[in-house]
PDB file of N, CA and C in Angstrom:
ATOM      1  N   LYS A   1     209.979 282.507  -4.903  1.00  0.00           N
ATOM      2  CA  LYS A   1     211.714 282.235  -5.381  1.00  0.00           C
ATOM      3  C   LYS A   1     212.124 281.202  -4.569  1.00  0.00           C
ATOM      4  N   THR A   2     212.031 281.320  -3.281  1.00  0.00           N
ATOM      5  CA  THR A   2     212.730 280.333  -2.263  1.00  0.00           C
ATOM      6  C   THR A   2     212.273 278.760  -2.546  1.00  0.00           C
ATOM      7  N   LEU A   3     210.914 278.841  -2.855  1.00  0.00           N
ATOM      8  CA  LEU A   3     210.286 277.541  -3.208  1.00  0.00           C
ATOM      9  C   LEU A   3     210.937 276.956  -4.466  1.00  0.00           C
ATOM     10  N   GLN A   4     211.187 277.795  -5.410  1.00  0.00           N
ATOM     11  CA  GLN A   4     211.924 277.397  -6.722  1.00  0.00           C
ATOM     12  C   GLN A   4     213.114 276.917  -6.597  1.00  0.00           C
ATOM     13  N   ARG A   5     213.849 277.482  -5.652  1.00  0.00           N
ATOM     14  CA  ARG A   5     215.266 277.241  -5.316  1.00  0.00           C
ATOM     15  C   ARG A   5     215.185 275.962  -4.514  1.00  0.00           C
ATOM     16  N   LEU A   6     214.280 275.642  -3.556  1.00  0.00           N
ATOM     17  CA  LEU A   6     214.231 274.551  -2.783  1.00  0.00           C
ATOM     18  C   LEU A   6     213.981 273.338  -3.764  1.00  0.00           C
ATOM     19  N   THR A   7     213.062 273.622  -4.729  1.00  0.00           N
ATOM     20  CA  THR A   7     212.665 272.366  -5.787  1.00  0.00           C
ATOM     21  C   THR A   7     213.911 272.054  -6.626  1.00  0.00           C
ATOM     22  N   GLU A   8     214.372 273.050  -6.954  1.00  0.00           N
ATOM     23  CA  GLU A   8     215.727 272.943  -8.018  1.00  0.00           C
ATOM     24  C   GLU A   8     216.784 271.871  -7.306  1.00  0.00           C
ATOM     25  N   THR A   9     216.917 272.427  -5.949  1.00  0.00           N
ATOM     26  CA  THR A   9     217.940 271.752  -4.935  1.00  0.00           C
ATOM     27  C   THR A   9     217.690 270.336  -4.842  1.00  0.00           C
ATOM     28  N   MET A  10     216.285 270.048  -4.619  1.00  0.00           N
ATOM     29  CA  MET A  10     215.686 268.678  -4.558  1.00  0.00           C
ATOM     30  C   MET A  10     215.956 267.815  -5.552  1.00  0.00           C
ATOM     31  N   GLU A  11     215.659 268.330  -6.748  1.00  0.00           N
ATOM     32  CA  GLU A  11     215.976 267.717  -8.002  1.00  0.00           C
ATOM     33  C   GLU A  11     217.426 267.369  -8.450  1.00  0.00           C
ATOM     34  N   ALA A  12     218.336 268.333  -7.926  1.00  0.00           N
ATOM     35  CA  ALA A  12     219.768 267.983  -8.267  1.00  0.00           C
ATOM     36  C   ALA A  12     220.073 266.905  -7.072  1.00  0.00           C
ATOM     37  N   LEU A  13     219.596 266.866  -5.922  1.00  0.00           N
ATOM     38  CA  LEU A  13     219.983 265.981  -4.973  1.00  0.00           C
ATOM     39  C   LEU A  13     219.667 264.708  -5.365  1.00  0.00           C
ATOM     40  N   ALA A  14     218.256 264.431  -5.938  1.00  0.00           N
ATOM     41  CA  ALA A  14     217.717 263.359  -6.442  1.00  0.00           C
ATOM     42  C   ALA A  14     218.588 262.685  -7.483  1.00  0.00           C
ATOM     43  N   VAL A  15     219.051 263.630  -8.397  1.00  0.00           N
ATOM     44  CA  VAL A  15     219.865 262.978  -9.423  1.00  0.00           C
ATOM     45  C   VAL A  15     221.199 262.589  -8.977  1.00  0.00           C
ATOM     46  N   SER A  16     221.754 263.105  -8.006  1.00  0.00           N
ATOM     47  CA  SER A  16     223.109 262.653  -7.569  1.00  0.00           C
ATOM     48  C   SER A  16     222.950 261.467  -6.586  1.00  0.00           C
ATOM     49  N   CYS A  17     221.816 261.315  -5.869  1.00  0.00           N
ATOM     50  CA  CYS A  17     221.532 260.204  -4.792  1.00  0.00           C
ATOM     51  C   CYS A  17     221.053 258.914  -5.655  1.00  0.00           C
ATOM     52  N   ALA A  18     220.564 258.923  -6.808  1.00  0.00           N
ATOM     53  CA  ALA A  18     220.020 258.004  -7.473  1.00  0.00           C
ATOM     54  C   ALA A  18     220.891 256.642  -7.591  1.00  0.00           C
ATOM     55  N   PRO A  19     222.268 256.931  -7.940  1.00  0.00           N
ATOM     56  CA  PRO A  19     223.055 255.644  -7.824  1.00  0.00           C
ATOM     57  C   PRO A  19     223.147 254.931  -6.457  1.00  0.00           C
ATOM     58  N   VAL A  20     223.135 255.713  -5.471  1.00  0.00           N
ATOM     59  CA  VAL A  20     223.214 254.990  -4.066  1.00  0.00           C
ATOM     60  C   VAL A  20     221.826 254.435  -3.565  1.00  0.00           C
ATOM     61  N   LEU A  21     220.897 254.974  -4.176  1.00  0.00           N
ATOM     62  CA  LEU A  21     219.557 254.769  -3.496  1.00  0.00           C
ATOM     63  C   LEU A  21     219.169 253.246  -3.362  1.00  0.00           C
ATOM     64  N   PRO A  22     219.578 252.342  -4.142  1.00  0.00           N
ATOM     65  CA  PRO A  22     219.123 250.915  -3.939  1.00  0.00           C
ATOM     66  C   PRO A  22     220.052 250.373  -2.702  1.00  0.00           C
ATOM     67  N   CYS A  23     221.177 250.821  -2.608  1.00  0.00           N
ATOM     68  CA  CYS A  23     222.197 250.346  -1.455  1.00  0.00           C
ATOM     69  C   CYS A  23     221.533 250.879  -0.082  1.00  0.00           C
ATOM     70  N   LEU A  24     221.192 252.098  -0.333  1.00  0.00           N
ATOM     71  CA  LEU A  24     220.733 252.795   0.901  1.00  0.00           C
ATOM     72  C   LEU A  24     219.387 252.106   1.322  1.00  0.00           C
ATOM     73  N   ALA A  25     218.646 251.568   0.518  1.00  0.00           N
ATOM     74  CA  ALA A  25     217.341 251.087   0.732  1.00  0.00           C
ATOM     75  C   ALA A  25     217.669 249.652   1.382  1.00  0.00           C
ATOM     76  N   ARG A  26     218.628 248.899   0.826  1.00  0.00           N
ATOM     77  CA  ARG A  26     218.962 247.493   1.407  1.00  0.00           C
ATOM     78  C   ARG A  26     219.434 247.687   2.744  1.00  0.00           C
ATOM     79  N   ALA A  27     220.197 248.870   3.018  1.00  0.00           N
ATOM     80  CA  ALA A  27     220.810 249.140   4.384  1.00  0.00           C
ATOM     81  C   ALA A  27     219.807 249.409   5.283  1.00  0.00           C
ATOM     82  N   LEU A  28     218.879 250.175   4.840  1.00  0.00           N
ATOM     83  CA  LEU A  28     217.651 250.542   5.863  1.00  0.00           C
ATOM     84  C   LEU A  28     216.792 249.402   6.106  1.00  0.00           C
ATOM     85  N   ASP A  29     216.646 248.592   5.125  1.00  0.00           N
ATOM     86  CA  ASP A  29     215.742 247.490   5.530  1.00  0.00           C
ATOM     87  C   ASP A  29     216.363 246.468   6.366  1.00  0.00           C
ATOM     88  N   ARG A  30     217.710 246.325   6.182  1.00  0.00           N
ATOM     89  CA  ARG A  30     218.535 245.434   7.229  1.00  0.00           C
ATOM     90  C   ARG A  30     218.518 246.018   8.628  1.00  0.00           C
ATOM     91  N   LEU A  31     218.740 247.242   8.498  1.00  0.00           N
ATOM     92  CA  LEU A  31     218.711 248.126   9.936  1.00  0.00           C
ATOM     93  C   LEU A  31     217.213 247.819  10.622  1.00  0.00           C
ATOM     94  N   SER A  32     216.136 248.055   9.797  1.00  0.00           N
ATOM     95  CA  SER A  32     214.838 247.918  10.414  1.00  0.00           C
ATOM     96  C   SER A  32     214.596 246.484  10.951  1.00  0.00           C
ATOM     97  N   LEU A  33     215.287 245.374  10.201  1.00  0.00           N
ATOM     98  CA  LEU A  33     215.021 244.178  10.656  1.00  0.00           C
ATOM     99  C   LEU A  33     215.913 243.955  12.077  1.00  0.00           C
ATOM    100  N   ILE A  34     217.066 244.330  12.072  1.00  0.00           N
ATOM    101  CA  ILE A  34     217.861 244.302  13.431  1.00  0.00           C
ATOM    102  C   ILE A  34     217.099 244.962  14.611  1.00  0.00           C
ATOM    103  N   VAL A  35     216.360 246.071  14.223  1.00  0.00           N
ATOM    104  CA  VAL A  35     215.641 246.761  15.362  1.00  0.00           C
ATOM    105  C   VAL A  35     214.492 245.912  15.686  1.00  0.00           C
ATOM    106  N   VAL A  36     213.744 245.476  14.737  1.00  0.00           N
ATOM    107  CA  VAL A  36     212.604 244.563  15.209  1.00  0.00           C
ATOM    108  C   VAL A  36     212.967 243.320  16.029  1.00  0.00           C
ATOM    109  N   ARG A  37     214.155 242.661  15.648  1.00  0.00           N
ATOM    110  CA  ARG A  37     214.632 241.649  16.247  1.00  0.00           C
ATOM    111  C   ARG A  37     214.965 241.934  17.814  1.00  0.00           C
ATOM    112  N   GLU A  38     215.665 243.138  18.000  1.00  0.00           N
ATOM    113  CA  GLU A  38     216.145 243.654  19.270  1.00  0.00           C
ATOM    114  C   GLU A  38     214.726 243.785  20.046  1.00  0.00           C
ATOM    115  N   VAL A  39     213.840 244.513  19.405  1.00  0.00           N
ATOM    116  CA  VAL A  39     212.875 244.860  20.379  1.00  0.00           C
ATOM    117  C   VAL A  39     211.892 243.591  20.599  1.00  0.00           C
ATOM    118  N   ASP A  40     211.983 242.623  19.667  1.00  0.00           N
ATOM    119  CA  ASP A  40     211.220 241.279  19.978  1.00  0.00           C
ATOM    120  C   ASP A  40     212.031 240.661  21.351  1.00  0.00           C
ATOM    121  N   ARG A  41     213.344 240.601  21.309  1.00  0.00           N
ATOM    122  CA  ARG A  41     214.154 240.147  22.311  1.00  0.00           C
ATOM    123  C   ARG A  41     213.894 240.796  23.681  1.00  0.00           C
ATOM    124  N   VAL A  42     213.967 242.099  23.435  1.00  0.00           N
ATOM    125  CA  VAL A  42     213.795 242.779  24.805  1.00  0.00           C
ATOM    126  C   VAL A  42     212.361 242.672  25.489  1.00  0.00           C
ATOM    127  N   ALA A  43     211.330 242.530  24.569  1.00  0.00           N
ATOM    128  CA  ALA A  43     210.027 242.312  24.855  1.00  0.00           C
ATOM    129  C   ALA A  43     209.824 240.844  25.487  1.00  0.00           C
ATOM    130  N   ALA A  44     210.459 239.980  24.991  1.00  0.00           N
ATOM    131  CA  ALA A  44     210.515 238.672  25.412  1.00  0.00           C
ATOM    132  C   ALA A  44     211.126 238.523  26.819  1.00  0.00           C
ATOM    133  N   LYS A  45     212.308 239.033  26.975  1.00  0.00           N
ATOM    134  CA  LYS A  45     212.907 239.215  28.353  1.00  0.00           C
ATOM    135  C   LYS A  45     212.234 239.837  29.260  1.00  0.00           C
ATOM    136  N   SER A  46     211.436 240.974  28.939  1.00  0.00           N
ATOM    137  CA  SER A  46     210.684 241.483  29.917  1.00  0.00           C
ATOM    138  C   SER A  46     209.514 240.769  30.407  1.00  0.00           C
ATOM    139  N   HIS A  47     208.886 240.251  29.466  1.00  0.00           N
ATOM    140  CA  HIS A  47     207.928 239.290  29.939  1.00  0.00           C
ATOM    141  C   HIS A  47     208.241 238.138  30.746  1.00  0.00           C
ATOM    142  N   CYS A  48     209.276 237.468  30.592  1.00  0.00           N
ATOM    143  CA  CYS A  48     209.974 236.487  31.395  1.00  0.00           C
ATOM    144  C   CYS A  48     210.179 237.095  32.846  1.00  0.00           C
ATOM    145  N   ASP A  49     210.779 238.470  32.777  1.00  0.00           N
ATOM    146  CA  ASP A  49     211.137 238.933  34.035  1.00  0.00           C
ATOM    147  C   ASP A  49     209.903 239.292  34.880  1.00  0.00           C
ATOM    148  N   TYR A  50     208.777 239.784  34.081  1.00  0.00           N
ATOM    149  CA  TYR A  50     207.622 239.939  34.788  1.00  0.00           C
ATOM    150  C   TYR A  50     206.838 238.677  35.331  1.00  0.00           C
ATOM    151  N   GLU A  51     206.838 237.765  34.580  1.00  0.00           N
ATOM    152  CA  GLU A  51     206.401 236.472  35.078  1.00  0.00           C
ATOM    153  C   GLU A  51     207.165 235.877  36.323  1.00  0.00           C
ATOM    154  N   ARG A  52     208.280 235.979  36.319  1.00  0.00           N
ATOM    155  CA  ARG A  52     209.392 235.726  37.506  1.00  0.00           C
ATOM    156  C   ARG A  52     208.847 236.540  38.656  1.00  0.00           C
ATOM    157  N   LEU A  53     208.821 237.788  38.540  1.00  0.00           N
ATOM    158  CA  LEU A  53     208.408 238.799  39.758  1.00  0.00           C
ATOM    159  C   LEU A  53     207.238 238.535  40.144  1.00  0.00           C
ATOM    160  N   LEU A  54     206.357 238.203  39.220  1.00  0.00           N
ATOM    161  CA  LEU A  54     204.771 237.996  39.770  1.00  0.00           C
ATOM    162  C   LEU A  54     204.812 236.782  40.483  1.00  0.00           C
ATOM    163  N   SER A  55     205.583 235.707  40.078  1.00  0.00           N
ATOM    164  CA  SER A  55     205.641 234.468  41.049  1.00  0.00           C
ATOM    165  C   SER A  55     206.173 234.733  42.277  1.00  0.00           C
ATOM    166  N   LEU A  56     207.304 235.473  42.244  1.00  0.00           N
ATOM    167  CA  LEU A  56     207.990 235.687  43.532  1.00  0.00           C
ATOM    168  C   LEU A  56     206.886 236.384  44.529  1.00  0.00           C
ATOM    169  N   TRP A  57     206.421 237.550  43.923  1.00  0.00           N
ATOM    170  CA  TRP A  57     205.298 238.214  44.616  1.00  0.00           C
ATOM    171  C   TRP A  57     204.263 237.429  45.248  1.00  0.00           C
ATOM    172  N   ALA A  58     203.693 236.507  44.590  1.00  0.00           N
ATOM    173  CA  ALA A  58     202.695 235.631  45.023  1.00  0.00           C
ATOM    174  C   ALA A  58     203.176 234.855  46.090  1.00  0.00           C
ATOM    175  N   GLY A  59     204.487 234.122  46.048  1.00  0.00           N
ATOM    176  CA  GLY A  59     205.080 233.374  47.155  1.00  0.00           C
ATOM    177  C   GLY A  59     205.144 234.288  48.279  1.00  0.00           C
ATOM    178  N   VAL A  60     205.685 235.624  48.038  1.00  0.00           N
ATOM    179  CA  VAL A  60     205.708 236.396  49.256  1.00  0.00           C
ATOM    180  C   VAL A  60     204.504 236.726  50.103  1.00  0.00           C
ATOM    181  N   GLU A  61     203.485 237.023  49.082  1.00  0.00           N
ATOM    182  CA  GLU A  61     202.185 237.422  49.584  1.00  0.00           C
ATOM    183  C   GLU A  61     201.668 236.152  50.471  1.00  0.00           C
ATOM    184  N   ALA A  62     201.837 234.921  50.126  1.00  0.00           N
ATOM    185  CA  ALA A  62     201.273 233.806  50.645  1.00  0.00           C
ATOM    186  C   ALA A  62     201.938 233.641  52.106  1.00  0.00           C
ATOM    187  N   GLU A  63     203.365 233.844  51.957  1.00  0.00           N
ATOM    188  CA  GLU A  63     204.043 233.738  53.282  1.00  0.00           C
ATOM    189  C   GLU A  63     203.700 234.989  54.276  1.00  0.00           C
ATOM    190  N   ARG A  64     203.365 236.142  53.631  1.00  0.00           N
ATOM    191  CA  ARG A  64     202.932 237.157  54.688  1.00  0.00           C
ATOM    192  C   ARG A  64     201.672 236.944  55.189  1.00  0.00           C
ATOM    193  N   ARG A  65     200.689 236.343  54.341  1.00  0.00           N
ATOM    194  CA  ARG A  65     199.317 235.989  54.968  1.00  0.00           C
ATOM    195  C   ARG A  65     199.552 234.833  55.956  1.00  0.00           C
ATOM    196  N   ARG A  66     200.345 233.782  55.645  1.00  0.00           N
ATOM    197  CA  ARG A  66     200.590 232.785  56.658  1.00  0.00           C
ATOM    198  C   ARG A  66     201.028 233.338  57.945  1.00  0.00           C
ATOM    199  N   LEU A  67     202.027 234.320  57.825  1.00  0.00           N
ATOM    200  CA  LEU A  67     202.684 234.624  59.196  1.00  0.00           C
ATOM    201  C   LEU A  67     201.790 235.665  59.954  1.00  0.00           C
ATOM    202  N   ALA A  68     200.858 236.499  59.067  1.00  0.00           N
ATOM    203  CA  ALA A  68     199.720 237.273  59.869  1.00  0.00           C
ATOM    204  C   ALA A  68     198.874 236.218  60.516  1.00  0.00           C
ATOM    205  N   HIS A  69     198.470 235.342  59.793  1.00  0.00           N
ATOM    206  CA  HIS A  69     197.745 234.267  60.430  1.00  0.00           C
ATOM    207  C   HIS A  69     198.100 233.511  61.856  1.00  0.00           C
ATOM    208  N   PHE A  70     199.481 233.366  61.733  1.00  0.00           N
ATOM    209  CA  PHE A  70     200.247 232.794  62.732  1.00  0.00           C
ATOM    210  C   PHE A  70     200.226 234.007  63.853  1.00  0.00           C
ATOM    211  N   VAL A  71     200.593 235.036  63.675  1.00  0.00           N
ATOM    212  CA  VAL A  71     200.626 236.166  64.645  1.00  0.00           C
ATOM    213  C   VAL A  71     199.214 236.276  65.344  1.00  0.00           C
ATOM    214  N   GLU A  72     198.119 236.198  64.569  1.00  0.00           N
ATOM    215  CA  GLU A  72     196.954 236.319  65.148  1.00  0.00           C
ATOM    216  C   GLU A  72     196.466 235.035  66.036  1.00  0.00           C
ATOM    217  N   ARG A  73     197.015 234.067  65.463  1.00  0.00           N
ATOM    218  CA  ARG A  73     196.699 232.721  66.399  1.00  0.00           C
ATOM    219  C   ARG A  73     197.518 232.620  67.364  1.00  0.00           C
ATOM    220  N   VAL A  74     198.779 233.062  67.590  1.00  0.00           N
ATOM    221  CA  VAL A  74     199.399 233.046  68.828  1.00  0.00           C
ATOM    222  C   VAL A  74     199.085 234.176  69.782  1.00  0.00           C
ATOM    223  N   GLY A  75     198.439 235.272  69.242  1.00  0.00           N
ATOM    224  CA  GLY A  75     197.924 236.395  69.989  1.00  0.00           C
ATOM    225  C   GLY A  75     198.940 237.422  70.241  1.00  0.00           C
ATOM    226  N   LEU A  76     199.820 237.530  69.401  1.00  0.00           N
ATOM    227  CA  LEU A  76     200.863 238.633  69.367  1.00  0.00           C
ATOM    228  C   LEU A  76     200.323 239.910  68.867  1.00  0.00           C
ATOM    229  N   ALA A  77     199.146 240.058  68.095  1.00  0.00           N
ATOM    230  CA  ALA A  77     198.391 241.256  67.565  1.00  0.00           C
ATOM    231  C   ALA A  77     197.284 241.562  68.567  1.00  0.00           C
ATOM    232  N   SER A  78     197.534 241.387  69.860  1.00  0.00           N
ATOM    233  CA  SER A  78     196.576 241.652  70.782  1.00  0.00           C
ATOM    234  C   SER A  78     196.012 243.120  70.847  1.00  0.00           C
ATOM    235  N   LYS A  79     194.832 243.410  70.942  1.00  0.00           N
ATOM    236  CA  LYS A  79     194.265 244.996  70.914  1.00  0.00           C
ATOM    237  C   LYS A  79     194.401 245.332  72.343  1.00  0.00           C
ATOM    238  N   GLU A  80     194.765 244.553  73.473  1.00  0.00           N
ATOM    239  CA  GLU A  80     194.892 245.039  74.755  1.00  0.00           C
ATOM    240  C   GLU A  80     196.011 245.807  75.025  1.00  0.00           C
ATOM    241  N   GLY A  81     196.979 245.696  73.998  1.00  0.00           N
ATOM    242  CA  GLY A  81     198.226 246.321  74.234  1.00  0.00           C
ATOM    243  C   GLY A  81     199.403 245.662  74.829  1.00  0.00           C
ATOM    244  N   ALA A  82     199.025 244.293  75.264  1.00  0.00           N
ATOM    245  CA  ALA A  82     200.172 243.375  75.836  1.00  0.00           C
ATOM    246  C   ALA A  82     201.496 243.430  75.119  1.00  0.00           C
ATOM    247  N   ASP A  83     202.592 243.428  75.810  1.00  0.00           N
ATOM    248  CA  ASP A  83     204.007 243.473  75.139  1.00  0.00           C
ATOM    249  C   ASP A  83     204.055 241.931  74.618  1.00  0.00           C
ATOM    250  N   ALA A  84     204.439 242.139  73.270  1.00  0.00           N
ATOM    251  CA  ALA A  84     204.686 240.853  72.579  1.00  0.00           C
ATOM    252  C   ALA A  84     205.803 239.991  73.110  1.00  0.00           C
ATOM    253  N   THR A  85     206.907 240.632  73.694  1.00  0.00           N
ATOM    254  CA  THR A  85     207.938 239.967  74.212  1.00  0.00           C
ATOM    255  C   THR A  85     207.387 239.139  75.641  1.00  0.00           C
ATOM    256  N   GLN A  86     206.568 239.781  76.170  1.00  0.00           N
ATOM    257  CA  GLN A  86     206.014 238.835  77.503  1.00  0.00           C
ATOM    258  C   GLN A  86     205.212 237.727  76.964  1.00  0.00           C
ATOM    259  N   ARG A  87     204.470 237.850  75.978  1.00  0.00           N
ATOM    260  CA  ARG A  87     203.544 236.764  75.366  1.00  0.00           C
ATOM    261  C   ARG A  87     204.595 235.631  74.819  1.00  0.00           C
ATOM    262  N   VAL A  88     205.583 236.053  74.132  1.00  0.00           N
ATOM    263  CA  VAL A  88     206.551 234.980  73.621  1.00  0.00           C
ATOM    264  C   VAL A  88     207.074 234.268  74.788  1.00  0.00           C
ATOM    265  N   GLU A  89     207.569 235.046  75.845  1.00  0.00           N
ATOM    266  CA  GLU A  89     208.028 234.261  77.080  1.00  0.00           C
ATOM    267  C   GLU A  89     207.124 233.389  77.718  1.00  0.00           C
ATOM    268  N   ARG A  90     205.872 233.898  77.814  1.00  0.00           N
ATOM    269  CA  ARG A  90     204.662 232.955  78.263  1.00  0.00           C
ATOM    270  C   ARG A  90     204.596 231.805  77.529  1.00  0.00           C
ATOM    271  N   LEU A  91     204.627 231.900  75.985  1.00  0.00           N
ATOM    272  CA  LEU A  91     204.458 230.691  75.387  1.00  0.00           C
ATOM    273  C   LEU A  91     205.747 229.763  75.418  1.00  0.00           C
ATOM    274  N   GLU A  92     206.707 230.434  75.521  1.00  0.00           N
ATOM    275  CA  GLU A  92     208.186 229.410  75.785  1.00  0.00           C
ATOM    276  C   GLU A  92     207.889 228.707  77.130  1.00  0.00           C
ATOM    277  N   ARG A  93     207.529 229.265  78.267  1.00  0.00           N
ATOM    278  CA  ARG A  93     207.324 228.616  79.595  1.00  0.00           C
ATOM    279  C   ARG A  93     206.225 227.555  79.224  1.00  0.00           C
ATOM    280  N   ASP A  94     205.190 227.814  78.773  1.00  0.00           N
ATOM    281  CA  ASP A  94     204.098 226.861  78.466  1.00  0.00           C
ATOM    282  C   ASP A  94     204.656 225.685  77.741  1.00  0.00           C
ATOM    283  N   LEU A  95     205.448 225.925  76.670  1.00  0.00           N
ATOM    284  CA  LEU A  95     206.054 224.771  75.815  1.00  0.00           C
ATOM    285  C   LEU A  95     207.100 224.172  76.605  1.00  0.00           C
ATOM    286  N   ASN A  96     207.894 224.733  77.433  1.00  0.00           N
ATOM    287  CA  ASN A  96     208.688 223.795  78.329  1.00  0.00           C
ATOM    288  C   ASN A  96     208.032 223.163  79.401  1.00  0.00           C
ATOM    289  N   HIS A  97     206.884 223.624  79.898  1.00  0.00           N
ATOM    290  CA  HIS A  97     205.990 223.007  80.773  1.00  0.00           C
ATOM    291  C   HIS A  97     205.261 221.675  80.358  1.00  0.00           C
ATOM    292  N   GLN A  98     205.016 221.930  78.957  1.00  0.00           N
ATOM    293  CA  GLN A  98     204.413 220.820  78.250  1.00  0.00           C
ATOM    294  C   GLN A  98     205.231 219.701  77.852  1.00  0.00           C
ATOM    295  N   GLU A  99     206.466 220.119  77.597  1.00  0.00           N
ATOM    296  CA  GLU A  99     207.581 219.066  77.461  1.00  0.00           C
ATOM    297  C   GLU A  99     207.944 218.111  78.606  1.00  0.00           C
ATOM    298  N   GLN A 100     208.060 218.965  79.759  1.00  0.00           N
ATOM    299  CA  GLN A 100     208.207 218.157  81.164  1.00  0.00           C
ATOM    300  C   GLN A 100     207.129 217.208  81.590  1.00  0.00           C
ATOM    301  N   LEU A 101     205.931 217.629  81.063  1.00  0.00           N
ATOM    302  CA  LEU A 101     204.800 216.822  81.596  1.00  0.00           C
ATOM    303  C   LEU A 101     204.660 215.541  80.613  1.00  0.00           C
ATOM    304  N   TYR A 102     205.192 215.487  79.385  1.00  0.00           N
ATOM    305  CA  TYR A 102     205.119 214.421  78.380  1.00  0.00           C
ATOM    306  C   TYR A 102     206.671 213.899  78.309  1.00  0.00           C
TER     307      TYR A 102
END
């Protein structure tokens, strides 16, 4: 009995909605186009942001490697536990000495 009432209600609803159905279909089509355009815009912006961040990350990583190499070359990353401040002071004295010689 419930199924029969549901079917009758659906038929009555279909009859009463028939005049507005074409307008509703056009409105839903326009809405779906708007949504698709917005999704495309957000996807393109996200891709640009990703590329920009990837480029920045690559630059930072290259700079980090350059600085790590510099620290190794200068000797601040010593395994003997020497104080980095003392090593920098020694390098500054050596630099001053070299400037005086030349």
